[in-house]
Every structure is written in structure tokens, then in C-alpha cells.
C-alpha atoms as a PDB file:
ATOM      1  CA  MET A   1      79.531 159.982  34.458  1.00  0.00           C
ATOM      2  CA  ARG A   2      81.387 156.690  34.903  1.00  0.00           C
ATOM      3  CA  SER A   3      84.644 158.474  35.726  1.00  0.00           C
ATOM      4  CA  ASP A   4      83.135 160.589  38.550  1.00  0.00           C
ATOM      5  CA  ASN A   5      82.831 158.338  41.627  1.00  0.00           C
ATOM      6  CA  ARG A   6      80.285 160.659  43.228  1.00  0.00           C
ATOM      7  CA  MET A   7      77.747 160.134  40.442  1.00  0.00           C
ATOM      8  CA  ARG A   8      78.296 156.735  38.910  1.00  0.00           C
ATOM      9  CA  GLU A   9      76.351 153.521  39.403  1.00  0.00           C
ATOM     10  CA  VAL A  10      77.928 150.864  41.583  1.00  0.00           C
ATOM     11  CA  LEU A  11      77.830 147.450  39.967  1.00  0.00           C
ATOM     12  CA  GLU A  12      77.383 144.361  42.092  1.00  0.00           C
ATOM     13  CA  ARG A  13      80.484 142.782  40.531  1.00  0.00           C
ATOM     14  CA  GLU A  14      82.622 145.561  42.068  1.00  0.00           C
ATOM     15  CA  VAL A  15      81.452 144.778  45.599  1.00  0.00           C
ATOM     16  CA  PHE A  16      80.849 141.032  45.307  1.00  0.00           C
ATOM     17  CA  PRO A  17      83.116 139.794  42.480  1.00  0.00           C
ATOM     18  CA  PHE A  18      82.366 136.063  42.876  1.00  0.00           C
ATOM     19  CA  ARG A  19      78.586 136.273  43.298  1.00  0.00           C
ATOM     20  CA  GLN A  20      76.460 134.812  40.524  1.00  0.00           C
ATOM     21  CA  LEU A  21      73.376 136.865  39.669  1.00  0.00           C
ATOM     22  CA  PRO A  22      70.197 135.180  38.407  1.00  0.00           C
ATOM     23  CA  ALA A  23      69.209 136.042  34.846  1.00  0.00           C
ATOM     24  CA  GLY A  24      67.223 139.255  34.596  1.00  0.00           C
ATOM     25  CA  THR A  25      68.525 140.694  37.869  1.00  0.00           C
ATOM     26  CA  PRO A  26      69.770 144.303  37.645  1.00  0.00           C
ATOM     27  CA  ASN A  27      73.556 144.632  37.908  1.00  0.00           C
ATOM     28  CA  ASN A  28      73.583 147.907  39.828  1.00  0.00           C
ATOM     29  CA  ILE A  29      73.055 148.088  43.589  1.00  0.00           C
ATOM     30  CA  PRO A  30      71.472 150.911  45.605  1.00  0.00           C
ATOM     31  CA  VAL A  31      73.911 153.015  47.629  1.00  0.00           C
ATOM     32  CA  LEU A  32      73.521 155.492  50.473  1.00  0.00           C
ATOM     33  CA  ASP A  33      74.998 158.875  49.584  1.00  0.00           C
ATOM     34  CA  LEU A  34      75.896 160.794  52.718  1.00  0.00           C
ATOM     35  CA  THR A  35      77.363 164.262  53.137  1.00  0.00           C
ATOM     36  CA  TYR A  36      78.894 165.427  56.410  1.00  0.00           C
ATOM     37  CA  TYR A  37      79.716 169.045  57.240  1.00  0.00           C
ATOM     38  CA  PRO A  38      80.408 169.198  61.007  1.00  0.00           C
ATOM     39  CA  ASN A  39      81.137 172.924  61.065  1.00  0.00           C
ATOM     40  CA  GLU A  40      77.972 174.012  59.218  1.00  0.00           C
ATOM     41  CA  ARG A  41      74.818 174.827  61.089  1.00  0.00           C
ATOM     42  CA  GLY A  42      72.010 172.433  60.253  1.00  0.00           C
ATOM     43  CA  PRO A  43      68.689 171.079  61.536  1.00  0.00           C
ATOM     44  CA  TYR A  44      70.301 169.033  64.316  1.00  0.00           C
ATOM     45  CA  ASN A  45      73.260 171.201  65.323  1.00  0.00           C
ATOM     46  CA  TYR A  46      71.819 174.625  66.128  1.00  0.00           C
ATOM     47  CA  SER A  47      74.738 175.441  68.390  1.00  0.00           C
ATOM     48  CA  PRO A  48      78.322 174.408  67.691  1.00  0.00           C
ATOM     49  CA  LEU A  49      78.818 173.773  71.420  1.00  0.00           C
ATOM     50  CA  ASN A  50      76.578 171.544  73.500  1.00  0.00           C
ATOM     51  CA  THR A  51      75.062 174.023  75.956  1.00  0.00           C
ATOM     52  CA  SER A  52      72.192 171.896  77.244  1.00  0.00           C
ATOM     53  CA  PRO A  53      72.034 171.415  81.039  1.00  0.00           C
ATOM     54  CA  GLY A  54      73.644 168.208  82.251  1.00  0.00           C
ATOM     55  CA  ALA A  55      75.610 167.697  79.032  1.00  0.00           C
ATOM     56  CA  PRO A  56      79.005 166.047  79.420  1.00  0.00           C
ATOM     57  CA  GLU A  57      81.924 168.360  78.753  1.00  0.00           C
END
């Protein structure tokens, strides 16, 4: 799992190399995993074109 960047833990040393952690503090940091598919229909893009009245073109 460490070789696959999509699944591995991110260690604080990788992001903040000179930061000193207090003893007992976990080394990994929480990350936000985000996936973006602009051409797929989803809960917030029912229509690929903005057809609402008054929408800028």
C-alpha cells in the first residue's frame, strides 16, 4: 500500500519536514480524498448544460 499514492498514509514529515512533533503524537495526518468527473451525471449536475432561466451563457 505504501507504493500506491491513492491509498497510502501521508506522514507529517512529508508535508512539514522541519516540524517537531510532541511525544505520543500520531505521525500520519488526515487528508481529503476528492474525485472529480465533470462529464458524469451526478447529484448536483443533472444537466450537462446550464438551462436555468437567467443563467449566464
